[in-house]
Amino acid sequence: MTERQQLGRWGEALAVSYLEDRGMTVLDRNWRCRHGEIDIVAMDGDCLVVCEVKTRSGLGFGDPVEAVTWRKYARLRRLAAAWLADRRHE
């Protein structure tokens, strides 16, 4: 595993801890389909939460929130719909 992959896994584990500490239930991690991947799917009460985790070791490449563009938001919405459809078949 590369250093970058290790940083990403660490960031995802930190995000899961953050969500769980706030009472959310993590339903899925690194869910994949042919359209892409969702890093974390959780429930906050009756609200589905879809998380894109961006871990940076510094701000040299900008703030992580800047990496989530409107196209990424649209892709996450499509992925959330695909995740829901996949869960209906379980």
PDB file of N, CA and C in Angstrom:
ATOM      1  N   MET A   1       0.852  -1.174   0.000  1.00  0.00           N
ATOM      2  CA  MET A   1       0.000   0.000   0.000  1.00  0.00           C
ATOM      3  C   MET A   1       0.898   1.237   0.000  1.00  0.00           C
ATOM      4  N   THR A   2       0.555   2.195  -0.851  1.00  0.00           N
ATOM      5  CA  THR A   2       1.365   3.404  -0.952  1.00  0.00           C
ATOM      6  C   THR A   2       1.092   4.336   0.231  1.00  0.00           C
ATOM      7  N   GLU A   3       1.968   5.301   0.413  1.00  0.00           N
ATOM      8  CA  GLU A   3       1.797   6.291   1.484  1.00  0.00           C
ATOM      9  C   GLU A   3       0.496   7.077   1.290  1.00  0.00           C
ATOM     10  N   ARG A   4       0.172   7.373   0.056  1.00  0.00           N
ATOM     11  CA  ARG A   4      -1.070   8.093  -0.258  1.00  0.00           C
ATOM     12  C   ARG A   4      -2.300   7.260   0.125  1.00  0.00           C
ATOM     13  N   GLN A   5      -2.265   5.964  -0.189  1.00  0.00           N
ATOM     14  CA  GLN A   5      -3.369   5.072   0.175  1.00  0.00           C
ATOM     15  C   GLN A   5      -3.507   4.963   1.693  1.00  0.00           C
ATOM     16  N   GLN A   6      -2.374   4.897   2.382  1.00  0.00           N
ATOM     17  CA  GLN A   6      -2.403   4.839   3.844  1.00  0.00           C
ATOM     18  C   GLN A   6      -3.019   6.107   4.428  1.00  0.00           C
ATOM     19  N   LEU A   7      -2.669   7.251   3.869  1.00  0.00           N
ATOM     20  CA  LEU A   7      -3.237   8.518   4.320  1.00  0.00           C
ATOM     21  C   LEU A   7      -4.750   8.525   4.090  1.00  0.00           C
ATOM     22  N   GLY A   8      -5.180   8.040   2.947  1.00  0.00           N
ATOM     23  CA  GLY A   8      -6.605   7.970   2.637  1.00  0.00           C
ATOM     24  C   GLY A   8      -7.362   7.064   3.591  1.00  0.00           C
ATOM     25  N   ARG A   9      -6.801   5.908   3.887  1.00  0.00           N
ATOM     26  CA  ARG A   9      -7.450   4.979   4.830  1.00  0.00           C
ATOM     27  C   ARG A   9      -7.526   5.579   6.229  1.00  0.00           C
ATOM     28  N   TRP A  10      -6.445   6.257   6.630  1.00  0.00           N
ATOM     29  CA  TRP A  10      -6.433   6.915   7.935  1.00  0.00           C
ATOM     30  C   TRP A  10      -7.530   7.976   7.990  1.00  0.00           C
ATOM     31  N   GLY A  11      -7.655   8.774   6.922  1.00  0.00           N
ATOM     32  CA  GLY A  11      -8.683   9.807   6.868  1.00  0.00           C
ATOM     33  C   GLY A  11     -10.089   9.234   6.928  1.00  0.00           C
ATOM     34  N   GLU A  12     -10.311   8.139   6.240  1.00  0.00           N
ATOM     35  CA  GLU A  12     -11.629   7.493   6.267  1.00  0.00           C
ATOM     36  C   GLU A  12     -11.938   6.941   7.654  1.00  0.00           C
ATOM     37  N   ALA A  13     -10.955   6.338   8.307  1.00  0.00           N
ATOM     38  CA  ALA A  13     -11.162   5.822   9.666  1.00  0.00           C
ATOM     39  C   ALA A  13     -11.470   6.973  10.626  1.00  0.00           C
ATOM     40  N   LEU A  14     -10.788   8.090  10.462  1.00  0.00           N
ATOM     41  CA  LEU A  14     -11.042   9.269  11.289  1.00  0.00           C
ATOM     42  C   LEU A  14     -12.452   9.797  11.043  1.00  0.00           C
ATOM     43  N   ALA A  15     -12.875   9.812   9.787  1.00  0.00           N
ATOM     44  CA  ALA A  15     -14.225  10.279   9.445  1.00  0.00           C
ATOM     45  C   ALA A  15     -15.288   9.356  10.053  1.00  0.00           C
ATOM     46  N   VAL A  16     -15.069   8.054  10.001  1.00  0.00           N
ATOM     47  CA  VAL A  16     -16.012   7.099  10.600  1.00  0.00           C
ATOM     48  C   VAL A  16     -16.122   7.352  12.098  1.00  0.00           C
ATOM     49  N   SER A  17     -14.995   7.522  12.768  1.00  0.00           N
ATOM     50  CA  SER A  17     -15.006   7.803  14.211  1.00  0.00           C
ATOM     51  C   SER A  17     -15.770   9.090  14.502  1.00  0.00           C
ATOM     52  N   TYR A  18     -15.548  10.107  13.696  1.00  0.00           N
ATOM     53  CA  TYR A  18     -16.231  11.390  13.860  1.00  0.00           C
ATOM     54  C   TYR A  18     -17.749  11.219  13.745  1.00  0.00           C
ATOM     55  N   LEU A  19     -18.188  10.511  12.725  1.00  0.00           N
ATOM     56  CA  LEU A  19     -19.619  10.296  12.513  1.00  0.00           C
ATOM     57  C   LEU A  19     -20.229   9.472  13.644  1.00  0.00           C
ATOM     58  N   GLU A  20     -19.559   8.406  14.025  1.00  0.00           N
ATOM     59  CA  GLU A  20     -20.076   7.551  15.094  1.00  0.00           C
ATOM     60  C   GLU A  20     -20.109   8.286  16.434  1.00  0.00           C
ATOM     61  N   ASP A  21     -19.101   9.115  16.698  1.00  0.00           N
ATOM     62  CA  ASP A  21     -19.080   9.900  17.938  1.00  0.00           C
ATOM     63  C   ASP A  21     -20.254  10.871  18.011  1.00  0.00           C
ATOM     64  N   ARG A  22     -20.813  11.213  16.873  1.00  0.00           N
ATOM     65  CA  ARG A  22     -21.956  12.118  16.819  1.00  0.00           C
ATOM     66  C   ARG A  22     -23.279  11.364  16.708  1.00  0.00           C
ATOM     67  N   GLY A  23     -23.220  10.054  16.943  1.00  0.00           N
ATOM     68  CA  GLY A  23     -24.427   9.245  17.013  1.00  0.00           C
ATOM     69  C   GLY A  23     -24.910   8.668  15.698  1.00  0.00           C
ATOM     70  N   MET A  24     -24.151   8.845  14.635  1.00  0.00           N
ATOM     71  CA  MET A  24     -24.557   8.282  13.348  1.00  0.00           C
ATOM     72  C   MET A  24     -24.187   6.803  13.288  1.00  0.00           C
ATOM     73  N   THR A  25     -24.924   6.057  12.468  1.00  0.00           N
ATOM     74  CA  THR A  25     -24.654   4.640  12.252  1.00  0.00           C
ATOM     75  C   THR A  25     -24.073   4.471  10.859  1.00  0.00           C
ATOM     76  N   VAL A  26     -22.856   3.960  10.784  1.00  0.00           N
ATOM     77  CA  VAL A  26     -22.214   3.726   9.488  1.00  0.00           C
ATOM     78  C   VAL A  26     -22.773   2.434   8.908  1.00  0.00           C
ATOM     79  N   LEU A  27     -23.329   2.550   7.705  1.00  0.00           N
ATOM     80  CA  LEU A  27     -23.941   1.399   7.037  1.00  0.00           C
ATOM     81  C   LEU A  27     -23.006   0.727   6.049  1.00  0.00           C
ATOM     82  N   ASP A  28     -22.124   1.511   5.451  1.00  0.00           N
ATOM     83  CA  ASP A  28     -21.266   0.977   4.398  1.00  0.00           C
ATOM     84  C   ASP A  28     -20.016   1.832   4.278  1.00  0.00           C
ATOM     85  N   ARG A  29     -18.927   1.175   3.874  1.00  0.00           N
ATOM     86  CA  ARG A  29     -17.668   1.883   3.591  1.00  0.00           C
ATOM     87  C   ARG A  29     -17.137   1.398   2.259  1.00  0.00           C
ATOM     88  N   ASN A  30     -16.622   2.320   1.481  1.00  0.00           N
ATOM     89  CA  ASN A  30     -16.006   2.013   0.184  1.00  0.00           C
ATOM     90  C   ASN A  30     -16.907   1.168  -0.701  1.00  0.00           C
ATOM     91  N   TRP A  31     -18.188   1.547  -0.759  1.00  0.00           N
ATOM     92  CA  TRP A  31     -19.138   0.841  -1.611  1.00  0.00           C
ATOM     93  C   TRP A  31     -18.859   1.211  -3.066  1.00  0.00           C
ATOM     94  N   ARG A  32     -18.783   0.205  -3.906  1.00  0.00           N
ATOM     95  CA  ARG A  32     -18.456   0.428  -5.329  1.00  0.00           C
ATOM     96  C   ARG A  32     -19.520  -0.156  -6.243  1.00  0.00           C
ATOM     97  N   CYS A  33     -19.683   0.526  -7.361  1.00  0.00           N
ATOM     98  CA  CYS A  33     -20.484   0.011  -8.460  1.00  0.00           C
ATOM     99  C   CYS A  33     -19.802   0.474  -9.743  1.00  0.00           C
ATOM    100  N   ARG A  34     -20.398   0.194 -10.855  1.00  0.00           N
ATOM    101  CA  ARG A  34     -19.746   0.549 -12.121  1.00  0.00           C
ATOM    102  C   ARG A  34     -19.651   2.055 -12.331  1.00  0.00           C
ATOM    103  N   HIS A  35     -20.419   2.837 -11.567  1.00  0.00           N
ATOM    104  CA  HIS A  35     -20.419   4.290 -11.711  1.00  0.00           C
ATOM    105  C   HIS A  35     -19.410   4.988 -10.807  1.00  0.00           C
ATOM    106  N   GLY A  36     -18.867   4.262  -9.825  1.00  0.00           N
ATOM    107  CA  GLY A  36     -17.897   4.870  -8.925  1.00  0.00           C
ATOM    108  C   GLY A  36     -17.959   4.294  -7.529  1.00  0.00           C
ATOM    109  N   GLU A  37     -17.530   5.100  -6.562  1.00  0.00           N
ATOM    110  CA  GLU A  37     -17.418   4.642  -5.183  1.00  0.00           C
ATOM    111  C   GLU A  37     -17.948   5.701  -4.222  1.00  0.00           C
ATOM    112  N   ILE A  38     -18.598   5.219  -3.164  1.00  0.00           N
ATOM    113  CA  ILE A  38     -18.987   6.061  -2.041  1.00  0.00           C
ATOM    114  C   ILE A  38     -18.079   5.679  -0.883  1.00  0.00           C
ATOM    115  N   ASP A  39     -17.403   6.669  -0.299  1.00  0.00           N
ATOM    116  CA  ASP A  39     -16.482   6.384   0.798  1.00  0.00           C
ATOM    117  C   ASP A  39     -17.212   5.891   2.041  1.00  0.00           C
ATOM    118  N   ILE A  40     -18.262   6.634   2.460  1.00  0.00           N
ATOM    119  CA  ILE A  40     -19.004   6.255   3.668  1.00  0.00           C
ATOM    120  C   ILE A  40     -20.485   6.529   3.451  1.00  0.00           C
ATOM    121  N   VAL A  41     -21.323   5.563   3.845  1.00  0.00           N
ATOM    122  CA  VAL A  41     -22.769   5.746   3.879  1.00  0.00           C
ATOM    123  C   VAL A  41     -23.184   5.548   5.333  1.00  0.00           C
ATOM    124  N   ALA A  42     -23.935   6.522   5.867  1.00  0.00           N
ATOM    125  CA  ALA A  42     -24.341   6.455   7.270  1.00  0.00           C
ATOM    126  C   ALA A  42     -25.783   6.915   7.411  1.00  0.00           C
ATOM    127  N   MET A  43     -26.340   6.648   8.583  1.00  0.00           N
ATOM    128  CA  MET A  43     -27.676   7.144   8.939  1.00  0.00           C
ATOM    129  C   MET A  43     -27.533   8.105  10.108  1.00  0.00           C
ATOM    130  N   ASP A  44     -28.197   9.242   9.996  1.00  0.00           N
ATOM    131  CA  ASP A  44     -28.293  10.217  11.078  1.00  0.00           C
ATOM    132  C   ASP A  44     -29.778  10.344  11.383  1.00  0.00           C
ATOM    133  N   GLY A  45     -30.244   9.535  12.322  1.00  0.00           N
ATOM    134  CA  GLY A  45     -31.684   9.455  12.562  1.00  0.00           C
ATOM    135  C   GLY A  45     -32.328   8.781  11.367  1.00  0.00           C
ATOM    136  N   ASP A  46     -33.243   9.499  10.698  1.00  0.00           N
ATOM    137  CA  ASP A  46     -33.877   8.938   9.505  1.00  0.00           C
ATOM    138  C   ASP A  46     -33.323   9.563   8.223  1.00  0.00           C
ATOM    139  N   CYS A  47     -32.159  10.203   8.333  1.00  0.00           N
ATOM    140  CA  CYS A  47     -31.529  10.870   7.185  1.00  0.00           C
ATOM    141  C   CYS A  47     -30.321  10.065   6.705  1.00  0.00           C
ATOM    142  N   LEU A  48     -30.297   9.757   5.408  1.00  0.00           N
ATOM    143  CA  LEU A  48     -29.162   9.062   4.813  1.00  0.00           C
ATOM    144  C   LEU A  48     -28.042  10.078   4.570  1.00  0.00           C
ATOM    145  N   VAL A  49     -26.837   9.725   4.978  1.00  0.00           N
ATOM    146  CA  VAL A  49     -25.671  10.599   4.834  1.00  0.00           C
ATOM    147  C   VAL A  49     -24.660   9.892   3.936  1.00  0.00           C
ATOM    148  N   VAL A  50     -24.281  10.556   2.842  1.00  0.00           N
ATOM    149  CA  VAL A  50     -23.291  10.023   1.911  1.00  0.00           C
ATOM    150  C   VAL A  50     -22.057  10.909   2.019  1.00  0.00           C
ATOM    151  N   CYS A  51     -20.921  10.308   2.358  1.00  0.00           N
ATOM    152  CA  CYS A  51     -19.710  11.084   2.628  1.00  0.00           C
ATOM    153  C   CYS A  51     -18.626  10.813   1.598  1.00  0.00           C
ATOM    154  N   GLU A  52     -18.050  11.890   1.123  1.00  0.00           N
ATOM    155  CA  GLU A  52     -16.846  11.840   0.300  1.00  0.00           C
ATOM    156  C   GLU A  52     -15.720  12.310   1.206  1.00  0.00           C
ATOM    157  N   VAL A  53     -14.728  11.452   1.433  1.00  0.00           N
ATOM    158  CA  VAL A  53     -13.629  11.791   2.335  1.00  0.00           C
ATOM    159  C   VAL A  53     -12.434  12.240   1.507  1.00  0.00           C
ATOM    160  N   LYS A  54     -11.921  13.429   1.837  1.00  0.00           N
ATOM    161  CA  LYS A  54     -10.722  13.967   1.196  1.00  0.00           C
ATOM    162  C   LYS A  54      -9.706  14.246   2.287  1.00  0.00           C
ATOM    163  N   THR A  55      -8.646  13.463   2.314  1.00  0.00           N
ATOM    164  CA  THR A  55      -7.615  13.625   3.338  1.00  0.00           C
ATOM    165  C   THR A  55      -6.389  14.245   2.694  1.00  0.00           C
ATOM    166  N   ARG A  56      -5.890  15.290   3.324  1.00  0.00           N
ATOM    167  CA  ARG A  56      -4.697  15.970   2.839  1.00  0.00           C
ATOM    168  C   ARG A  56      -3.668  16.015   3.964  1.00  0.00           C
ATOM    169  N   SER A  57      -2.405  15.943   3.603  1.00  0.00           N
ATOM    170  CA  SER A  57      -1.341  16.064   4.603  1.00  0.00           C
ATOM    171  C   SER A  57      -0.969  17.526   4.813  1.00  0.00           C
ATOM    172  N   GLY A  58      -1.458  18.394   3.938  1.00  0.00           N
ATOM    173  CA  GLY A  58      -1.205  19.832   4.032  1.00  0.00           C
ATOM    174  C   GLY A  58      -2.123  20.559   3.078  1.00  0.00           C
ATOM    175  N   LEU A  59      -2.007  21.872   3.038  1.00  0.00           N
ATOM    176  CA  LEU A  59      -2.885  22.663   2.171  1.00  0.00           C
ATOM    177  C   LEU A  59      -2.214  23.059   0.860  1.00  0.00           C
ATOM    178  N   GLY A  60      -1.114  22.413   0.514  1.00  0.00           N
ATOM    179  CA  GLY A  60      -0.400  22.716  -0.722  1.00  0.00           C
ATOM    180  C   GLY A  60      -1.246  22.524  -1.971  1.00  0.00           C
ATOM    181  N   PHE A  61      -2.201  21.617  -1.911  1.00  0.00           N
ATOM    182  CA  PHE A  61      -3.096  21.369  -3.039  1.00  0.00           C
ATOM    183  C   PHE A  61      -4.470  21.968  -2.792  1.00  0.00           C
ATOM    184  N   GLY A  62      -4.580  22.839  -1.798  1.00  0.00           N
ATOM    185  CA  GLY A  62      -5.852  23.477  -1.484  1.00  0.00           C
ATOM    186  C   GLY A  62      -6.577  22.777  -0.366  1.00  0.00           C
ATOM    187  N   ASP A  63      -7.638  23.408   0.067  1.00  0.00           N
ATOM    188  CA  ASP A  63      -8.480  22.858   1.118  1.00  0.00           C
ATOM    189  C   ASP A  63      -9.242  21.660   0.557  1.00  0.00           C
ATOM    190  N   PRO A  64      -9.396  20.575   1.336  1.00  0.00           N
ATOM    191  CA  PRO A  64     -10.089  19.383   0.817  1.00  0.00           C
ATOM    192  C   PRO A  64     -11.494  19.673   0.287  1.00  0.00           C
ATOM    193  N   VAL A  65     -12.209  20.606   0.892  1.00  0.00           N
ATOM    194  CA  VAL A  65     -13.572  20.901   0.433  1.00  0.00           C
ATOM    195  C   VAL A  65     -13.572  21.440  -1.000  1.00  0.00           C
ATOM    196  N   GLU A  66     -12.479  22.070  -1.407  1.00  0.00           N
ATOM    197  CA  GLU A  66     -12.381  22.595  -2.775  1.00  0.00           C
ATOM    198  C   GLU A  66     -12.327  21.477  -3.820  1.00  0.00           C
ATOM    199  N   ALA A  67     -11.977  20.276  -3.401  1.00  0.00           N
ATOM    200  CA  ALA A  67     -11.873  19.146  -4.327  1.00  0.00           C
ATOM    201  C   ALA A  67     -13.232  18.547  -4.662  1.00  0.00           C
ATOM    202  N   VAL A  68     -14.265  18.920  -3.910  1.00  0.00           N
ATOM    203  CA  VAL A  68     -15.612  18.402  -4.171  1.00  0.00           C
ATOM    204  C   VAL A  68     -16.376  19.459  -4.967  1.00  0.00           C
ATOM    205  N   THR A  69     -16.361  19.278  -6.266  1.00  0.00           N
ATOM    206  CA  THR A  69     -16.984  20.231  -7.181  1.00  0.00           C
ATOM    207  C   THR A  69     -18.460  19.899  -7.380  1.00  0.00           C
ATOM    208  N   TRP A  70     -19.166  20.754  -8.118  1.00  0.00           N
ATOM    209  CA  TRP A  70     -20.590  20.479  -8.393  1.00  0.00           C
ATOM    210  C   TRP A  70     -20.742  19.177  -9.158  1.00  0.00           C
ATOM    211  N   ARG A  71     -19.768  18.828  -9.996  1.00  0.00           N
ATOM    212  CA  ARG A  71     -19.831  17.551 -10.724  1.00  0.00           C
ATOM    213  C   ARG A  71     -19.698  16.367  -9.765  1.00  0.00           C
ATOM    214  N   LYS A  72     -18.825  16.522  -8.772  1.00  0.00           N
ATOM    215  CA  LYS A  72     -18.662  15.470  -7.773  1.00  0.00           C
ATOM    216  C   LYS A  72     -19.949  15.327  -6.955  1.00  0.00           C
ATOM    217  N   TYR A  73     -20.586  16.458  -6.593  1.00  0.00           N
ATOM    218  CA  TYR A  73     -21.860  16.392  -5.874  1.00  0.00           C
ATOM    219  C   TYR A  73     -22.909  15.647  -6.703  1.00  0.00           C
ATOM    220  N   ALA A  74     -22.979  15.959  -7.995  1.00  0.00           N
ATOM    221  CA  ALA A  74     -23.959  15.300  -8.867  1.00  0.00           C
ATOM    222  C   ALA A  74     -23.660  13.802  -8.952  1.00  0.00           C
ATOM    223  N   ARG A  75     -22.386  13.447  -9.054  1.00  0.00           N
ATOM    224  CA  ARG A  75     -21.999  12.038  -9.114  1.00  0.00           C
ATOM    225  C   ARG A  75     -22.360  11.333  -7.803  1.00  0.00           C
ATOM    226  N   LEU A  76     -22.148  11.995  -6.675  1.00  0.00           N
ATOM    227  CA  LEU A  76     -22.506  11.407  -5.387  1.00  0.00           C
ATOM    228  C   LEU A  76     -24.007  11.185  -5.262  1.00  0.00           C
ATOM    229  N   ARG A  77     -24.804  12.096  -5.807  1.00  0.00           N
ATOM    230  CA  ARG A  77     -26.262  11.902  -5.790  1.00  0.00           C
ATOM    231  C   ARG A  77     -26.642  10.669  -6.603  1.00  0.00           C
ATOM    232  N   ARG A  78     -26.024  10.506  -7.775  1.00  0.00           N
ATOM    233  CA  ARG A  78     -26.306   9.317  -8.597  1.00  0.00           C
ATOM    234  C   ARG A  78     -25.848   8.047  -7.890  1.00  0.00           C
ATOM    235  N   LEU A  79     -24.692   8.108  -7.258  1.00  0.00           N
ATOM    236  CA  LEU A  79     -24.190   6.951  -6.527  1.00  0.00           C
ATOM    237  C   LEU A  79     -25.087   6.616  -5.344  1.00  0.00           C
ATOM    238  N   ALA A  80     -25.605   7.621  -4.657  1.00  0.00           N
ATOM    239  CA  ALA A  80     -26.518   7.378  -3.534  1.00  0.00           C
ATOM    240  C   ALA A  80     -27.774   6.661  -4.023  1.00  0.00           C
ATOM    241  N   ALA A  81     -28.293   7.082  -5.175  1.00  0.00           N
ATOM    242  CA  ALA A  81     -29.472   6.422  -5.746  1.00  0.00           C
ATOM    243  C   ALA A  81     -29.143   4.975  -6.101  1.00  0.00           C
ATOM    244  N   ALA A  82     -27.950   4.738  -6.647  1.00  0.00           N
ATOM    245  CA  ALA A  82     -27.539   3.371  -6.991  1.00  0.00           C
ATOM    246  C   ALA A  82     -27.367   2.536  -5.726  1.00  0.00           C
ATOM    247  N   TRP A  83     -26.827   3.141  -4.659  1.00  0.00           N
ATOM    248  CA  TRP A  83     -26.667   2.425  -3.391  1.00  0.00           C
ATOM    249  C   TRP A  83     -28.034   2.020  -2.841  1.00  0.00           C
ATOM    250  N   LEU A  84     -28.980   2.946  -2.870  1.00  0.00           N
ATOM    251  CA  LEU A  84     -30.334   2.645  -2.389  1.00  0.00           C
ATOM    252  C   LEU A  84     -30.980   1.532  -3.212  1.00  0.00           C
ATOM    253  N   ALA A  85     -30.817   1.586  -4.524  1.00  0.00           N
ATOM    254  CA  ALA A  85     -31.391   0.562  -5.390  1.00  0.00           C
ATOM    255  C   ALA A  85     -30.752  -0.799  -5.093  1.00  0.00           C
ATOM    256  N   ASP A  86     -29.450  -0.805  -4.865  1.00  0.00           N
ATOM    257  CA  ASP A  86     -28.743  -2.049  -4.548  1.00  0.00           C
ATOM    258  C   ASP A  86     -29.218  -2.629  -3.222  1.00  0.00           C
ATOM    259  N   ARG A  87     -29.483  -1.765  -2.244  1.00  0.00           N
ATOM    260  CA  ARG A  87     -29.950  -2.234  -0.929  1.00  0.00           C
ATOM    261  C   ARG A  87     -31.346  -2.834  -0.992  1.00  0.00           C
ATOM    262  N   ARG A  88     -32.162  -2.367  -1.911  1.00  0.00           N
ATOM    263  CA  ARG A  88     -33.518  -2.915  -2.060  1.00  0.00           C
ATOM    264  C   ARG A  88     -33.491  -4.366  -2.512  1.00  0.00           C
ATOM    265  N   HIS A  89     -32.403  -4.761  -3.167  1.00  0.00           N
ATOM    266  CA  HIS A  89     -32.276  -6.119  -3.685  1.00  0.00           C
ATOM    267  C   HIS A  89     -31.690  -7.079  -2.662  1.00  0.00           C
ATOM    268  N   GLU A  90     -31.300  -6.583  -1.506  1.00  0.00           N
ATOM    269  CA  GLU A  90     -30.697  -7.457  -0.484  1.00  0.00           C
ATOM    270  C   GLU A  90     -31.770  -8.148   0.330  1.00  0.00           C
TER     271      GLU A  90
END
